[in-house]
């Protein structure tokens, strides 16, 4: 299983939210590139970067921060937040991201994302499925789309999507464990999916359980920043 640390960005700084609430923001570093380098030095190979300003503004905002990360490390970076147009997608890839997460745009403009998959290939596009009570949430988790998660996944699998980052918003940032039952349900329905868990990881034991469940990857955020899991432990799983 791939361990994928997260760097969430507001105003060029590394932050974490609680349950996606912008009013519950905690800053951890004003140098995201240095944080990324520390991950790489520990043996981590992948990184999840989220432009929280972009998610709210509905266009990519922290492109320079992405460039500083990709130019100072060899990490395989996936980027999400505010990618709404083909131009946004191109900018993010040109800035060094290897994959782009289609979140709200995938719920709101299926034809656009379909064209991305056809043109850039399934290897480049990750489907972002941010859910609350198995309904897909959009606009930086601020709005419900009323889309059923399983139907949503099935639609994009038929289009060729391979990678999915699924975040249970109720679990995000509260350090009380991931949504194990939800991931088991998804993999039971779609075993071919490269499913990446996001939200709720509280320590090493959670990651081991996700690995045993057959997850492709797991994103780790607050558990690392709050000292519940070390860099060495992340790199050893």
C-alpha atoms as a PDB file:
ATOM      1  CA  UNK A   1       0.000   0.000   0.000  1.00  0.00           C
ATOM      2  CA  UNK A   2       1.220   3.476  -0.855  1.00  0.00           C
ATOM      3  CA  UNK A   3       1.558   5.860   2.083  1.00  0.00           C
ATOM      4  CA  UNK A   4       0.741   9.344   0.810  1.00  0.00           C
ATOM      5  CA  UNK A   5       1.304  12.294   3.143  1.00  0.00           C
ATOM      6  CA  UNK A   6      -0.879  15.325   2.548  1.00  0.00           C
ATOM      7  CA  UNK A   7       0.081  18.960   2.306  1.00  0.00           C
ATOM      8  CA  UNK A   8      -2.973  21.208   2.403  1.00  0.00           C
ATOM      9  CA  UNK A   9      -2.285  24.796   1.395  1.00  0.00           C
ATOM     10  CA  UNK A  10      -3.887  28.091   2.372  1.00  0.00           C
ATOM     11  CA  UNK A  11      -2.026  31.300   1.582  1.00  0.00           C
ATOM     12  CA  UNK A  12       1.092  29.342   0.628  1.00  0.00           C
ATOM     13  CA  UNK A  13       1.245  27.722   4.083  1.00  0.00           C
ATOM     14  CA  UNK A  14       0.865  24.113   5.183  1.00  0.00           C
ATOM     15  CA  UNK A  15      -2.371  23.794   7.180  1.00  0.00           C
ATOM     16  CA  UNK A  16      -4.975  21.271   8.317  1.00  0.00           C
ATOM     17  CA  UNK A  17      -8.702  21.721   8.683  1.00  0.00           C
ATOM     18  CA  UNK A  18     -11.146  19.735  10.817  1.00  0.00           C
ATOM     19  CA  UNK A  19     -14.024  18.143   8.861  1.00  0.00           C
ATOM     20  CA  UNK A  20     -13.301  20.543   6.011  1.00  0.00           C
ATOM     21  CA  UNK A  21     -14.198  23.573   8.120  1.00  0.00           C
ATOM     22  CA  UNK A  22     -12.150  26.601   7.036  1.00  0.00           C
ATOM     23  CA  UNK A  23     -12.882  28.166  10.430  1.00  0.00           C
ATOM     24  CA  UNK A  24     -11.079  25.259  12.114  1.00  0.00           C
ATOM     25  CA  UNK A  25      -7.681  25.847  10.532  1.00  0.00           C
ATOM     26  CA  UNK A  26      -4.308  25.100  12.094  1.00  0.00           C
ATOM     27  CA  UNK A  27      -1.036  26.172  10.497  1.00  0.00           C
ATOM     28  CA  UNK A  28       1.944  23.816  10.641  1.00  0.00           C
ATOM     29  CA  UNK A  29       4.550  25.356   8.356  1.00  0.00           C
ATOM     30  CA  UNK A  30       5.068  28.383   6.164  1.00  0.00           C
ATOM     31  CA  UNK A  31       7.398  26.351   3.927  1.00  0.00           C
ATOM     32  CA  UNK A  32       5.498  23.460   2.285  1.00  0.00           C
ATOM     33  CA  UNK A  33       8.494  22.642   0.063  1.00  0.00           C
ATOM     34  CA  UNK A  34      10.640  21.982   3.139  1.00  0.00           C
ATOM     35  CA  UNK A  35       7.921  19.717   4.563  1.00  0.00           C
ATOM     36  CA  UNK A  36       7.807  17.834   1.256  1.00  0.00           C
ATOM     37  CA  UNK A  37      11.609  17.447   1.266  1.00  0.00           C
ATOM     38  CA  UNK A  38      11.460  15.953   4.765  1.00  0.00           C
ATOM     39  CA  UNK A  39       8.970  13.364   3.500  1.00  0.00           C
ATOM     40  CA  UNK A  40      11.235  12.509   0.583  1.00  0.00           C
ATOM     41  CA  UNK A  41      14.327  12.270   2.794  1.00  0.00           C
ATOM     42  CA  UNK A  42      12.484   9.748   4.990  1.00  0.00           C
ATOM     43  CA  UNK A  43      11.866   7.481   1.999  1.00  0.00           C
ATOM     44  CA  UNK A  44       8.328   8.557   1.104  1.00  0.00           C
ATOM     45  CA  UNK A  45       7.683   8.522  -2.645  1.00  0.00           C
ATOM     46  CA  UNK A  46       4.250  10.080  -3.095  1.00  0.00           C
ATOM     47  CA  UNK A  47       2.598  13.312  -1.958  1.00  0.00           C
ATOM     48  CA  UNK A  48      -0.981  14.596  -1.981  1.00  0.00           C
ATOM     49  CA  UNK A  49      -1.211  18.385  -2.372  1.00  0.00           C
ATOM     50  CA  UNK A  50      -4.513  20.185  -1.891  1.00  0.00           C
ATOM     51  CA  UNK A  51      -5.044  23.833  -2.807  1.00  0.00           C
ATOM     52  CA  UNK A  52      -7.704  24.738  -0.234  1.00  0.00           C
ATOM     53  CA  UNK A  53      -7.795  28.326  -1.484  1.00  0.00           C
ATOM     54  CA  UNK A  54      -8.398  26.934  -4.956  1.00  0.00           C
ATOM     55  CA  UNK A  55     -11.172  24.616  -3.810  1.00  0.00           C
ATOM     56  CA  UNK A  56     -13.003  27.590  -2.314  1.00  0.00           C
ATOM     57  CA  UNK A  57     -12.256  30.023  -5.155  1.00  0.00           C
ATOM     58  CA  UNK A  58     -13.070  27.410  -7.845  1.00  0.00           C
ATOM     59  CA  UNK A  59      -9.790  28.040  -9.650  1.00  0.00           C
ATOM     60  CA  UNK A  60      -6.181  27.064  -8.937  1.00  0.00           C
ATOM     61  CA  UNK A  61      -4.575  29.578  -6.551  1.00  0.00           C
ATOM     62  CA  UNK A  62      -1.381  28.115  -5.061  1.00  0.00           C
ATOM     63  CA  UNK A  63       0.417  27.171  -8.262  1.00  0.00           C
ATOM     64  CA  UNK A  64       3.734  28.680  -7.139  1.00  0.00           C
ATOM     65  CA  UNK A  65       3.697  26.528  -4.009  1.00  0.00           C
ATOM     66  CA  UNK A  66       3.137  23.430  -6.142  1.00  0.00           C
ATOM     67  CA  UNK A  67       6.059  24.446  -8.361  1.00  0.00           C
ATOM     68  CA  UNK A  68       8.326  24.949  -5.337  1.00  0.00           C
ATOM     69  CA  UNK A  69       7.476  21.429  -4.122  1.00  0.00           C
ATOM     70  CA  UNK A  70       7.976  19.681  -7.460  1.00  0.00           C
ATOM     71  CA  UNK A  71      11.180  21.587  -8.270  1.00  0.00           C
ATOM     72  CA  UNK A  72      12.804  20.770  -4.915  1.00  0.00           C
ATOM     73  CA  UNK A  73      11.812  17.077  -4.684  1.00  0.00           C
ATOM     74  CA  UNK A  74      11.371  14.002  -6.879  1.00  0.00           C
ATOM     75  CA  UNK A  75       8.119  13.041  -5.180  1.00  0.00           C
ATOM     76  CA  UNK A  76       5.222  11.788  -7.284  1.00  0.00           C
ATOM     77  CA  UNK A  77       2.762  14.578  -6.568  1.00  0.00           C
ATOM     78  CA  UNK A  78      -0.979  14.486  -7.099  1.00  0.00           C
ATOM     79  CA  UNK A  79      -2.737  17.838  -6.918  1.00  0.00           C
ATOM     80  CA  UNK A  80      -6.321  18.809  -6.226  1.00  0.00           C
ATOM     81  CA  UNK A  81      -8.314  21.911  -5.408  1.00  0.00           C
ATOM     82  CA  UNK A  82      -9.759  24.370  -7.895  1.00  0.00           C
ATOM     83  CA  UNK A  83      -9.032  22.399 -11.072  1.00  0.00           C
ATOM     84  CA  UNK A  84     -12.093  23.332 -13.120  1.00  0.00           C
ATOM     85  CA  UNK A  85     -10.909  23.781 -16.708  1.00  0.00           C
ATOM     86  CA  UNK A  86      -8.547  22.184 -19.191  1.00  0.00           C
ATOM     87  CA  UNK A  87      -6.317  25.235 -18.750  1.00  0.00           C
ATOM     88  CA  UNK A  88      -6.171  24.600 -14.984  1.00  0.00           C
ATOM     89  CA  UNK A  89      -5.300  20.973 -15.660  1.00  0.00           C
ATOM     90  CA  UNK A  90      -2.510  21.910 -18.056  1.00  0.00           C
ATOM     91  CA  UNK A  91      -1.071  24.475 -15.623  1.00  0.00           C
ATOM     92  CA  UNK A  92      -0.957  21.939 -12.811  1.00  0.00           C
ATOM     93  CA  UNK A  93       0.736  19.283 -14.956  1.00  0.00           C
ATOM     94  CA  UNK A  94       3.204  21.866 -16.291  1.00  0.00           C
ATOM     95  CA  UNK A  95       3.971  22.834 -12.683  1.00  0.00           C
ATOM     96  CA  UNK A  96       5.173  19.296 -12.076  1.00  0.00           C
ATOM     97  CA  UNK A  97       2.193  17.361 -10.727  1.00  0.00           C
ATOM     98  CA  UNK A  98       2.090  13.793 -12.050  1.00  0.00           C
ATOM     99  CA  UNK A  99      -1.638  13.365 -11.365  1.00  0.00           C
ATOM    100  CA  UNK A 100      -4.576  15.714 -10.952  1.00  0.00           C
ATOM    101  CA  UNK A 101      -7.559  15.053  -8.723  1.00  0.00           C
ATOM    102  CA  UNK A 102     -10.907  15.878 -10.297  1.00  0.00           C
ATOM    103  CA  UNK A 103     -13.200  16.655  -7.376  1.00  0.00           C
ATOM    104  CA  UNK A 104     -16.145  19.041  -7.709  1.00  0.00           C
ATOM    105  CA  UNK A 105     -15.670  19.268 -11.470  1.00  0.00           C
ATOM    106  CA  UNK A 106     -16.279  15.512 -11.755  1.00  0.00           C
ATOM    107  CA  UNK A 107     -19.626  15.903 -10.020  1.00  0.00           C
ATOM    108  CA  UNK A 108     -20.660  19.100 -11.792  1.00  0.00           C
ATOM    109  CA  UNK A 109     -19.305  18.655 -15.329  1.00  0.00           C
ATOM    110  CA  UNK A 110     -18.989  15.013 -16.279  1.00  0.00           C
ATOM    111  CA  UNK A 111     -18.407  15.703 -19.966  1.00  0.00           C
ATOM    112  CA  UNK A 112     -15.373  17.849 -19.192  1.00  0.00           C
ATOM    113  CA  UNK A 113     -13.780  15.169 -17.014  1.00  0.00           C
ATOM    114  CA  UNK A 114     -14.645  12.496 -19.580  1.00  0.00           C
ATOM    115  CA  UNK A 115     -12.656  14.485 -22.149  1.00  0.00           C
ATOM    116  CA  UNK A 116      -9.707  14.736 -19.734  1.00  0.00           C
ATOM    117  CA  UNK A 117      -9.655  10.967 -19.253  1.00  0.00           C
ATOM    118  CA  UNK A 118      -9.809  10.424 -23.015  1.00  0.00           C
ATOM    119  CA  UNK A 119      -7.055  12.947 -23.764  1.00  0.00           C
ATOM    120  CA  UNK A 120      -4.643  12.524 -20.856  1.00  0.00           C
ATOM    121  CA  UNK A 121      -5.359   8.916 -19.884  1.00  0.00           C
ATOM    122  CA  UNK A 122      -6.593   7.311 -16.690  1.00  0.00           C
ATOM    123  CA  UNK A 123      -3.071   7.364 -15.226  1.00  0.00           C
ATOM    124  CA  UNK A 124      -3.164  11.172 -14.978  1.00  0.00           C
ATOM    125  CA  UNK A 125      -6.664  11.702 -13.571  1.00  0.00           C
ATOM    126  CA  UNK A 126      -7.706  10.728 -10.048  1.00  0.00           C
ATOM    127  CA  UNK A 127     -11.397  10.860  -9.191  1.00  0.00           C
ATOM    128  CA  UNK A 128     -11.983  12.719  -5.950  1.00  0.00           C
ATOM    129  CA  UNK A 129     -14.962  11.321  -4.051  1.00  0.00           C
ATOM    130  CA  UNK A 130     -15.517  13.416  -0.942  1.00  0.00           C
ATOM    131  CA  UNK A 131     -18.539  12.041   0.853  1.00  0.00           C
ATOM    132  CA  UNK A 132     -20.860  12.622   3.765  1.00  0.00           C
ATOM    133  CA  UNK A 133     -23.390   9.858   4.473  1.00  0.00           C
ATOM    134  CA  UNK A 134     -22.406   8.340   1.090  1.00  0.00           C
ATOM    135  CA  UNK A 135     -23.414  11.503  -0.775  1.00  0.00           C
ATOM    136  CA  UNK A 136     -20.771  13.311  -2.838  1.00  0.00           C
ATOM    137  CA  UNK A 137     -19.826  16.775  -1.539  1.00  0.00           C
ATOM    138  CA  UNK A 138     -18.462  19.596  -3.697  1.00  0.00           C
ATOM    139  CA  UNK A 139     -16.974  23.132  -3.509  1.00  0.00           C
ATOM    140  CA  UNK A 140     -14.401  22.437  -0.832  1.00  0.00           C
ATOM    141  CA  UNK A 141     -16.930  20.230   0.991  1.00  0.00           C
ATOM    142  CA  UNK A 142     -19.261  23.180   1.430  1.00  0.00           C
ATOM    143  CA  UNK A 143     -22.152  21.837  -0.690  1.00  0.00           C
ATOM    144  CA  UNK A 144     -23.899  18.487  -1.247  1.00  0.00           C
ATOM    145  CA  UNK A 145     -24.362  17.311  -4.828  1.00  0.00           C
ATOM    146  CA  UNK A 146     -27.007  14.688  -3.817  1.00  0.00           C
ATOM    147  CA  UNK A 147     -25.047  12.171  -5.920  1.00  0.00           C
ATOM    148  CA  UNK A 148     -24.961   8.633  -4.561  1.00  0.00           C
ATOM    149  CA  UNK A 149     -21.349   7.529  -4.068  1.00  0.00           C
ATOM    150  CA  UNK A 150     -21.683   4.040  -5.539  1.00  0.00           C
ATOM    151  CA  UNK A 151     -23.494   5.251  -8.655  1.00  0.00           C
ATOM    152  CA  UNK A 152     -20.870   7.980  -9.036  1.00  0.00           C
ATOM    153  CA  UNK A 153     -18.017   5.480  -8.873  1.00  0.00           C
ATOM    154  CA  UNK A 154     -19.699   3.112 -11.301  1.00  0.00           C
ATOM    155  CA  UNK A 155     -20.203   5.903 -13.842  1.00  0.00           C
ATOM    156  CA  UNK A 156     -16.530   6.879 -13.835  1.00  0.00           C
ATOM    157  CA  UNK A 157     -15.272   3.303 -13.820  1.00  0.00           C
ATOM    158  CA  UNK A 158     -17.179   2.819 -17.058  1.00  0.00           C
ATOM    159  CA  UNK A 159     -15.253   5.803 -18.455  1.00  0.00           C
ATOM    160  CA  UNK A 160     -11.967   4.116 -17.559  1.00  0.00           C
ATOM    161  CA  UNK A 161     -11.059   5.825 -14.290  1.00  0.00           C
ATOM    162  CA  UNK A 162      -8.664   3.709 -12.196  1.00  0.00           C
ATOM    163  CA  UNK A 163      -7.719   5.857  -9.207  1.00  0.00           C
ATOM    164  CA  UNK A 164     -10.134   7.175  -6.590  1.00  0.00           C
ATOM    165  CA  UNK A 165      -9.377   9.197  -3.471  1.00  0.00           C
ATOM    166  CA  UNK A 166     -12.345   8.723  -1.164  1.00  0.00           C
ATOM    167  CA  UNK A 167     -12.626  11.000   1.857  1.00  0.00           C
ATOM    168  CA  UNK A 168     -15.278  10.504   4.500  1.00  0.00           C
ATOM    169  CA  UNK A 169     -15.646  14.120   5.625  1.00  0.00           C
ATOM    170  CA  UNK A 170     -17.085  13.114   8.989  1.00  0.00           C
ATOM    171  CA  UNK A 171     -13.759  11.397   9.751  1.00  0.00           C
ATOM    172  CA  UNK A 172     -11.391  14.053   8.405  1.00  0.00           C
ATOM    173  CA  UNK A 173      -9.078  15.720  10.871  1.00  0.00           C
ATOM    174  CA  UNK A 174     -10.618  14.201  14.009  1.00  0.00           C
ATOM    175  CA  UNK A 175      -8.064  11.385  14.502  1.00  0.00           C
ATOM    176  CA  UNK A 176     -10.718   8.776  15.294  1.00  0.00           C
ATOM    177  CA  UNK A 177      -9.961   6.225  12.603  1.00  0.00           C
ATOM    178  CA  UNK A 178     -10.772   5.946   8.876  1.00  0.00           C
ATOM    179  CA  UNK A 179     -14.068   4.822   7.385  1.00  0.00           C
ATOM    180  CA  UNK A 180     -13.113   1.138   7.226  1.00  0.00           C
ATOM    181  CA  UNK A 181     -16.658  -0.103   6.530  1.00  0.00           C
ATOM    182  CA  UNK A 182     -17.124   2.334   3.660  1.00  0.00           C
ATOM    183  CA  UNK A 183     -13.873   1.265   1.999  1.00  0.00           C
ATOM    184  CA  UNK A 184     -14.753  -2.404   2.455  1.00  0.00           C
ATOM    185  CA  UNK A 185     -18.103  -1.740   0.792  1.00  0.00           C
ATOM    186  CA  UNK A 186     -16.476   0.081  -2.143  1.00  0.00           C
ATOM    187  CA  UNK A 187     -13.860  -2.618  -2.749  1.00  0.00           C
ATOM    188  CA  UNK A 188     -16.526  -5.307  -2.419  1.00  0.00           C
ATOM    189  CA  UNK A 189     -18.424  -3.634  -5.246  1.00  0.00           C
ATOM    190  CA  UNK A 190     -15.425  -2.497  -7.323  1.00  0.00           C
ATOM    191  CA  UNK A 191     -12.437  -4.737  -6.504  1.00  0.00           C
ATOM    192  CA  UNK A 192     -10.462  -3.495  -9.512  1.00  0.00           C
ATOM    193  CA  UNK A 193     -10.395   0.074  -8.197  1.00  0.00           C
ATOM    194  CA  UNK A 194      -7.118   1.637  -7.029  1.00  0.00           C
ATOM    195  CA  UNK A 195      -8.775   3.038  -3.935  1.00  0.00           C
ATOM    196  CA  UNK A 196      -6.966   5.606  -1.801  1.00  0.00           C
ATOM    197  CA  UNK A 197      -8.299   6.168   1.710  1.00  0.00           C
ATOM    198  CA  UNK A 198      -8.388   9.700   3.062  1.00  0.00           C
ATOM    199  CA  UNK A 199      -9.527  11.066   6.399  1.00  0.00           C
ATOM    200  CA  UNK A 200      -9.380   9.866   9.970  1.00  0.00           C
ATOM    201  CA  UNK A 201      -6.022   8.066  10.126  1.00  0.00           C
ATOM    202  CA  UNK A 202      -4.975   8.280  13.778  1.00  0.00           C
ATOM    203  CA  UNK A 203      -1.823   6.179  13.815  1.00  0.00           C
ATOM    204  CA  UNK A 204       0.147   3.230  12.469  1.00  0.00           C
ATOM    205  CA  UNK A 205      -2.473   0.611  13.384  1.00  0.00           C
ATOM    206  CA  UNK A 206      -5.059   2.312  11.136  1.00  0.00           C
ATOM    207  CA  UNK A 207      -2.661   2.178   8.210  1.00  0.00           C
ATOM    208  CA  UNK A 208      -1.929  -1.501   8.802  1.00  0.00           C
ATOM    209  CA  UNK A 209      -5.669  -2.256   8.841  1.00  0.00           C
ATOM    210  CA  UNK A 210      -6.203  -0.337   5.583  1.00  0.00           C
ATOM    211  CA  UNK A 211      -3.330  -2.257   4.026  1.00  0.00           C
ATOM    212  CA  UNK A 212      -4.915  -5.541   5.126  1.00  0.00           C
ATOM    213  CA  UNK A 213      -8.216  -4.437   3.577  1.00  0.00           C
ATOM    214  CA  UNK A 214      -6.500  -4.117   0.198  1.00  0.00           C
ATOM    215  CA  UNK A 215      -6.429  -0.341  -0.201  1.00  0.00           C
ATOM    216  CA  UNK A 216      -4.111   0.916  -2.946  1.00  0.00           C
ATOM    217  CA  UNK A 217      -3.047   3.876  -0.840  1.00  0.00           C
ATOM    218  CA  UNK A 218      -3.749   5.897   2.276  1.00  0.00           C
ATOM    219  CA  UNK A 219      -3.415   9.629   2.767  1.00  0.00           C
ATOM    220  CA  UNK A 220      -2.001  10.783   6.095  1.00  0.00           C
ATOM    221  CA  UNK A 221      -2.394  14.330   7.370  1.00  0.00           C
ATOM    222  CA  UNK A 222      -3.102  15.445  10.892  1.00  0.00           C
ATOM    223  CA  UNK A 223      -1.861  12.179  12.458  1.00  0.00           C
ATOM    224  CA  UNK A 224       1.629  13.077  11.267  1.00  0.00           C
ATOM    225  CA  UNK A 225       1.468  16.798  11.968  1.00  0.00           C
ATOM    226  CA  UNK A 226       0.182  16.204  15.502  1.00  0.00           C
ATOM    227  CA  UNK A 227       2.867  13.612  16.244  1.00  0.00           C
ATOM    228  CA  UNK A 228       0.668  10.484  16.326  1.00  0.00           C
ATOM    229  CA  UNK A 229       2.865   8.789  13.733  1.00  0.00           C
ATOM    230  CA  UNK A 230       6.496   9.401  12.845  1.00  0.00           C
ATOM    231  CA  UNK A 231       8.183   9.776   9.481  1.00  0.00           C
ATOM    232  CA  UNK A 232      10.035   6.529  10.138  1.00  0.00           C
ATOM    233  CA  UNK A 233       6.761   4.694  10.795  1.00  0.00           C
ATOM    234  CA  UNK A 234       5.201   6.134   7.634  1.00  0.00           C
ATOM    235  CA  UNK A 235       8.128   4.963   5.552  1.00  0.00           C
ATOM    236  CA  UNK A 236       8.116   1.463   7.100  1.00  0.00           C
ATOM    237  CA  UNK A 237       4.536   0.428   6.301  1.00  0.00           C
END
